[in-house]
N, C-alpha and C. Protein backbone atom coordinates (compact mmCIF):
# COMPACT_ATOMS: atom_id res chain seq x y z
N MET A 1 98.68 122.66 161.46
CA MET A 1 97.40 123.36 161.46
C MET A 1 97.41 124.47 160.42
N LEU A 2 96.33 124.59 159.72
CA LEU A 2 96.19 125.68 158.76
C LEU A 2 95.62 126.90 159.46
N SER A 3 96.13 128.04 159.08
CA SER A 3 95.58 129.26 159.65
C SER A 3 94.24 129.56 158.99
N LEU A 4 93.49 130.44 159.59
CA LEU A 4 92.16 130.78 159.08
C LEU A 4 92.25 131.42 157.70
N ASN A 5 93.26 132.25 157.49
CA ASN A 5 93.43 132.92 156.21
C ASN A 5 93.77 131.91 155.11
N THR A 6 94.61 130.94 155.43
CA THR A 6 94.96 129.90 154.45
C THR A 6 93.75 129.05 154.11
N GLN A 7 92.94 128.72 155.10
CA GLN A 7 91.75 127.92 154.86
C GLN A 7 90.75 128.65 153.98
N LYS A 8 90.61 129.97 154.16
CA LYS A 8 89.72 130.75 153.30
C LYS A 8 90.21 130.76 151.87
N THR A 9 91.53 130.84 151.70
CA THR A 9 92.10 130.81 150.35
C THR A 9 91.83 129.47 149.68
N ILE A 10 91.97 128.40 150.42
CA ILE A 10 91.70 127.06 149.87
C ILE A 10 90.23 126.93 149.51
N ASP A 11 89.33 127.42 150.37
CA ASP A 11 87.90 127.36 150.09
C ASP A 11 87.55 128.17 148.85
N ASN A 12 88.18 129.32 148.66
CA ASN A 12 87.93 130.13 147.46
C ASN A 12 88.37 129.38 146.21
N LEU A 13 89.51 128.70 146.27
CA LEU A 13 89.97 127.92 145.12
C LEU A 13 89.01 126.78 144.82
N HIS A 14 88.50 126.12 145.87
CA HIS A 14 87.52 125.05 145.66
C HIS A 14 86.28 125.60 144.96
N ASN A 15 85.81 126.75 145.38
CA ASN A 15 84.61 127.33 144.77
C ASN A 15 84.84 127.73 143.32
N VAL A 16 86.04 128.16 142.99
CA VAL A 16 86.33 128.56 141.61
C VAL A 16 86.33 127.35 140.68
N PHE A 17 86.92 126.25 141.13
CA PHE A 17 87.13 125.12 140.23
C PHE A 17 86.04 124.05 140.27
N THR A 18 85.13 124.07 141.24
CA THR A 18 84.06 123.08 141.24
C THR A 18 83.04 123.41 140.18
N LYS A 19 82.54 122.36 139.53
CA LYS A 19 81.53 122.54 138.49
C LYS A 19 80.15 122.54 139.14
N LYS A 20 79.31 123.46 138.72
CA LYS A 20 77.99 123.62 139.33
C LYS A 20 76.89 122.86 138.58
N ASN A 21 77.12 122.55 137.31
CA ASN A 21 76.04 122.00 136.48
C ASN A 21 76.15 120.49 136.27
N LEU A 22 76.66 119.76 137.26
CA LEU A 22 76.79 118.32 137.14
C LEU A 22 75.46 117.63 137.46
N PRO A 23 75.13 116.56 136.74
CA PRO A 23 73.92 115.80 137.08
C PRO A 23 74.16 114.99 138.35
N HIS A 24 73.08 114.52 138.95
CA HIS A 24 73.17 113.70 140.16
C HIS A 24 73.51 112.27 139.73
N ILE A 25 74.76 111.89 139.89
CA ILE A 25 75.25 110.60 139.42
C ILE A 25 75.22 109.62 140.58
N ARG A 26 74.66 108.44 140.32
CA ARG A 26 74.60 107.39 141.34
C ARG A 26 75.34 106.15 140.85
N ILE A 27 75.60 105.26 141.77
CA ILE A 27 76.26 104.01 141.43
C ILE A 27 75.29 103.18 140.58
N GLY A 28 75.80 102.56 139.53
CA GLY A 28 74.98 101.75 138.65
C GLY A 28 74.46 102.50 137.45
N ASP A 29 74.68 103.81 137.38
CA ASP A 29 74.23 104.59 136.23
C ASP A 29 75.10 104.28 135.02
N ASN A 30 74.48 104.26 133.87
CA ASN A 30 75.21 104.17 132.62
C ASN A 30 75.46 105.60 132.17
N VAL A 31 76.71 106.00 132.07
CA VAL A 31 77.04 107.40 131.78
C VAL A 31 77.86 107.49 130.50
N LYS A 32 77.81 108.69 129.91
CA LYS A 32 78.62 109.02 128.75
C LYS A 32 79.41 110.27 129.12
N ILE A 33 80.72 110.10 129.25
CA ILE A 33 81.59 111.19 129.71
C ILE A 33 82.42 111.68 128.53
N GLY A 34 82.34 112.97 128.27
CA GLY A 34 83.14 113.58 127.22
C GLY A 34 84.45 114.08 127.79
N VAL A 35 85.56 113.58 127.26
CA VAL A 35 86.90 113.93 127.74
C VAL A 35 87.62 114.71 126.65
N LYS A 36 88.19 115.85 127.03
CA LYS A 36 88.95 116.66 126.08
C LYS A 36 90.30 116.02 125.83
N ILE A 37 90.65 115.86 124.56
CA ILE A 37 91.93 115.28 124.17
C ILE A 37 92.63 116.27 123.25
N ILE A 38 93.91 116.52 123.54
CA ILE A 38 94.69 117.43 122.72
C ILE A 38 95.63 116.61 121.85
N GLU A 39 95.49 116.77 120.54
CA GLU A 39 96.35 116.07 119.58
C GLU A 39 97.07 117.13 118.77
N GLY A 40 98.34 117.31 119.04
CA GLY A 40 99.10 118.35 118.35
C GLY A 40 98.59 119.71 118.77
N ASN A 41 98.05 120.46 117.81
CA ASN A 41 97.48 121.77 118.13
C ASN A 41 95.96 121.76 118.07
N LYS A 42 95.36 120.58 117.91
CA LYS A 42 93.91 120.46 117.87
C LYS A 42 93.38 119.90 119.18
N GLU A 43 92.18 120.29 119.52
CA GLU A 43 91.52 119.76 120.72
C GLU A 43 90.18 119.19 120.31
N ARG A 44 89.89 117.98 120.76
CA ARG A 44 88.61 117.35 120.44
C ARG A 44 88.06 116.69 121.68
N VAL A 45 86.79 116.27 121.61
CA VAL A 45 86.12 115.61 122.73
C VAL A 45 85.89 114.15 122.35
N GLN A 46 86.41 113.26 123.18
CA GLN A 46 86.19 111.83 122.98
C GLN A 46 85.28 111.32 124.09
N PHE A 47 84.28 110.54 123.72
CA PHE A 47 83.29 110.07 124.70
C PHE A 47 83.67 108.68 125.21
N TYR A 48 83.47 108.48 126.50
CA TYR A 48 83.72 107.21 127.17
C TYR A 48 82.40 106.81 127.81
N GLU A 49 81.87 105.67 127.40
CA GLU A 49 80.55 105.25 127.87
C GLU A 49 80.68 103.95 128.66
N GLY A 50 80.08 103.92 129.86
CA GLY A 50 80.15 102.73 130.69
C GLY A 50 79.31 102.87 131.94
N THR A 51 79.46 101.91 132.84
CA THR A 51 78.70 101.85 134.08
C THR A 51 79.54 102.37 135.24
N VAL A 52 78.94 103.20 136.07
CA VAL A 52 79.63 103.72 137.25
C VAL A 52 79.64 102.60 138.29
N ILE A 53 80.85 102.13 138.65
CA ILE A 53 80.93 101.05 139.63
C ILE A 53 81.41 101.55 140.98
N ALA A 54 81.95 102.78 141.05
CA ALA A 54 82.39 103.33 142.32
C ALA A 54 82.39 104.85 142.22
N LYS A 55 82.15 105.48 143.37
CA LYS A 55 82.18 106.92 143.46
C LYS A 55 82.84 107.29 144.78
N LYS A 56 83.79 108.20 144.72
CA LYS A 56 84.45 108.66 145.94
C LYS A 56 84.17 110.14 146.07
N ASN A 57 83.47 110.53 147.12
CA ASN A 57 83.11 111.93 147.33
C ASN A 57 84.11 112.57 148.29
N SER A 58 84.80 113.57 147.80
CA SER A 58 85.65 114.38 148.67
C SER A 58 85.80 115.75 148.04
N SER A 59 84.72 116.50 148.05
CA SER A 59 84.59 117.86 147.53
C SER A 59 85.17 117.98 146.12
N ILE A 60 86.25 118.68 145.94
CA ILE A 60 86.77 118.92 144.60
C ILE A 60 87.47 117.69 144.03
N ASN A 61 87.84 116.74 144.88
CA ASN A 61 88.52 115.52 144.43
C ASN A 61 87.56 114.36 144.19
N THR A 62 86.30 114.63 143.91
CA THR A 62 85.32 113.59 143.67
C THR A 62 85.68 112.81 142.41
N THR A 63 85.72 111.48 142.52
CA THR A 63 86.07 110.65 141.38
C THR A 63 84.97 109.64 141.08
N LEU A 64 84.89 109.26 139.81
CA LEU A 64 84.00 108.21 139.34
C LEU A 64 84.85 107.12 138.71
N THR A 65 84.56 105.87 139.04
CA THR A 65 85.19 104.75 138.35
C THR A 65 84.15 104.19 137.39
N VAL A 66 84.47 104.25 136.10
CA VAL A 66 83.54 103.84 135.05
C VAL A 66 84.11 102.60 134.37
N ARG A 67 83.27 101.58 134.20
CA ARG A 67 83.69 100.32 133.60
C ARG A 67 82.89 100.05 132.34
N LYS A 68 83.60 99.61 131.31
CA LYS A 68 82.94 99.15 130.09
C LYS A 68 83.67 97.90 129.60
N VAL A 69 82.98 97.10 128.82
CA VAL A 69 83.58 95.90 128.25
C VAL A 69 83.81 96.16 126.78
N LEU A 70 85.06 96.06 126.36
CA LEU A 70 85.44 96.36 124.99
C LEU A 70 86.08 95.11 124.38
N GLN A 71 85.41 94.50 123.41
CA GLN A 71 85.86 93.29 122.73
C GLN A 71 86.17 92.17 123.72
N GLY A 72 85.31 92.03 124.72
CA GLY A 72 85.45 90.96 125.70
C GLY A 72 86.42 91.24 126.83
N ILE A 73 87.02 92.42 126.84
CA ILE A 73 87.97 92.78 127.89
C ILE A 73 87.40 93.95 128.68
N GLY A 74 87.36 93.82 130.00
CA GLY A 74 86.86 94.89 130.85
C GLY A 74 87.88 96.01 130.98
N VAL A 75 87.40 97.24 130.77
CA VAL A 75 88.27 98.41 130.86
C VAL A 75 87.65 99.35 131.89
N GLU A 76 88.46 99.76 132.87
CA GLU A 76 87.99 100.70 133.89
C GLU A 76 88.81 101.97 133.80
N ARG A 77 88.15 103.08 134.04
CA ARG A 77 88.84 104.36 134.02
C ARG A 77 88.30 105.21 135.16
N ILE A 78 89.18 105.93 135.82
CA ILE A 78 88.80 106.79 136.93
C ILE A 78 88.82 108.23 136.44
N PHE A 79 87.70 108.94 136.65
CA PHE A 79 87.57 110.32 136.20
C PHE A 79 87.47 111.24 137.41
N LEU A 80 88.23 112.30 137.40
CA LEU A 80 88.10 113.38 138.37
C LEU A 80 87.06 114.32 137.79
N ILE A 81 85.84 114.32 138.35
CA ILE A 81 84.73 114.97 137.64
C ILE A 81 84.81 116.49 137.62
N HIS A 82 85.59 117.10 138.52
CA HIS A 82 85.74 118.55 138.49
C HIS A 82 86.94 118.99 137.67
N SER A 83 87.59 118.04 137.01
CA SER A 83 88.76 118.35 136.19
C SER A 83 88.36 119.14 134.95
N PRO A 84 89.21 120.05 134.49
CA PRO A 84 88.90 120.77 133.25
C PRO A 84 88.95 119.86 132.02
N LYS A 85 89.55 118.68 132.12
CA LYS A 85 89.58 117.75 130.99
C LYS A 85 88.24 117.06 130.77
N VAL A 86 87.40 116.98 131.81
CA VAL A 86 86.07 116.39 131.67
C VAL A 86 85.14 117.46 131.13
N ASP A 87 84.67 117.26 129.90
CA ASP A 87 83.87 118.27 129.22
C ASP A 87 82.39 118.16 129.61
N SER A 88 81.85 116.94 129.55
CA SER A 88 80.43 116.77 129.83
C SER A 88 80.19 115.39 130.44
N ILE A 89 79.12 115.30 131.23
CA ILE A 89 78.69 114.03 131.79
C ILE A 89 77.19 113.90 131.52
N GLN A 90 76.82 112.81 130.88
CA GLN A 90 75.41 112.59 130.54
C GLN A 90 74.99 111.23 131.07
N ILE A 91 73.86 111.18 131.78
CA ILE A 91 73.35 109.91 132.30
C ILE A 91 72.44 109.31 131.24
N LEU A 92 72.77 108.09 130.80
CA LEU A 92 71.99 107.43 129.77
C LEU A 92 70.86 106.60 130.37
N ARG A 93 71.15 105.87 131.44
CA ARG A 93 70.12 105.09 132.14
C ARG A 93 70.56 104.83 133.57
N SER A 94 69.61 104.62 134.45
CA SER A 94 69.89 104.33 135.85
C SER A 94 69.53 102.89 136.14
N SER A 95 70.22 102.31 137.09
CA SER A 95 69.97 100.92 137.48
C SER A 95 69.73 100.84 138.97
N LYS A 96 68.95 99.83 139.35
CA LYS A 96 68.66 99.61 140.76
C LYS A 96 69.75 98.72 141.34
N VAL A 97 70.51 99.27 142.29
CA VAL A 97 71.58 98.51 142.93
C VAL A 97 71.44 98.65 144.44
N ARG A 98 72.03 97.70 145.16
CA ARG A 98 71.95 97.72 146.63
C ARG A 98 73.33 97.80 147.26
N ARG A 99 74.31 98.17 146.48
CA ARG A 99 75.68 98.28 146.97
C ARG A 99 76.23 99.66 146.61
N SER A 100 77.23 100.10 147.37
CA SER A 100 77.86 101.38 147.05
C SER A 100 79.06 101.19 146.14
N LYS A 101 79.59 100.01 146.06
CA LYS A 101 80.69 99.69 145.15
C LYS A 101 80.33 98.42 144.41
N LEU A 102 80.39 98.44 143.09
CA LEU A 102 79.98 97.31 142.27
C LEU A 102 81.19 96.54 141.73
N TYR A 103 82.16 96.29 142.60
CA TYR A 103 83.36 95.61 142.16
C TYR A 103 83.09 94.16 141.75
N TYR A 104 81.96 93.60 142.18
CA TYR A 104 81.65 92.22 141.82
C TYR A 104 81.38 92.07 140.33
N LEU A 105 81.11 93.18 139.63
CA LEU A 105 80.88 93.10 138.18
C LEU A 105 82.15 92.70 137.43
N ARG A 106 83.31 92.85 138.06
CA ARG A 106 84.57 92.46 137.42
C ARG A 106 84.63 90.96 137.17
N ASN A 107 83.94 90.18 137.99
CA ASN A 107 83.99 88.73 137.88
C ASN A 107 82.87 88.15 137.02
N LEU A 108 81.93 88.98 136.56
CA LEU A 108 80.80 88.50 135.78
C LEU A 108 81.02 88.75 134.31
N LYS A 109 80.44 87.90 133.47
CA LYS A 109 80.59 88.02 132.03
C LYS A 109 79.23 87.97 131.35
N GLY A 110 79.12 88.62 130.22
CA GLY A 110 77.94 88.51 129.38
C GLY A 110 76.68 89.03 130.04
N LYS A 111 75.61 88.24 129.90
CA LYS A 111 74.32 88.66 130.42
C LYS A 111 74.27 88.72 131.94
N ALA A 112 75.15 88.00 132.60
CA ALA A 112 75.17 87.99 134.06
C ALA A 112 75.56 89.35 134.63
N SER A 113 76.25 90.16 133.82
CA SER A 113 76.72 91.45 134.31
C SER A 113 75.70 92.56 134.10
N ARG A 114 74.51 92.23 133.61
CA ARG A 114 73.48 93.26 133.41
C ARG A 114 72.91 93.71 134.76
N LEU A 115 72.50 94.96 134.80
CA LEU A 115 71.85 95.50 135.99
C LEU A 115 70.41 95.82 135.65
N LYS A 116 69.52 95.68 136.65
CA LYS A 116 68.10 95.94 136.43
C LYS A 116 67.87 97.44 136.31
N GLN A 117 67.18 97.84 135.24
CA GLN A 117 66.96 99.26 134.99
C GLN A 117 65.95 99.84 135.96
N GLN A 118 66.20 101.09 136.37
CA GLN A 118 65.32 101.80 137.28
C GLN A 118 64.71 102.97 136.53
N PHE A 119 63.37 103.02 136.50
CA PHE A 119 62.67 104.11 135.81
C PHE A 119 62.26 105.16 136.82
N GLN A 120 62.37 106.43 136.39
CA GLN A 120 62.01 107.50 137.31
C GLN A 120 60.95 108.38 136.74
């Protein structure tokens, strides 16, 4: 059991490190995530663009699984969205989906893997 004082300390740390300016990201969104990369003594932002196929909500440990197809090969990457390495998250388009996890997209190829766009 955690004592009350320890729990308050943990809550304060969560409040310090959570990002407040995140967009409302849903499953099926096409997102562009800027990731900070350190090369030697230089730091730059590299963008990763793909479809959100899974989201796990657990306060500061919230993760997004983003999938893109690169030269015919599916590439998935899991991002900890409150991490200091994640610089920016931009929603490019939203799609209408009826599932909370889109793992079935792993088995689809080409035009079959398209999602219907949702306009707001």
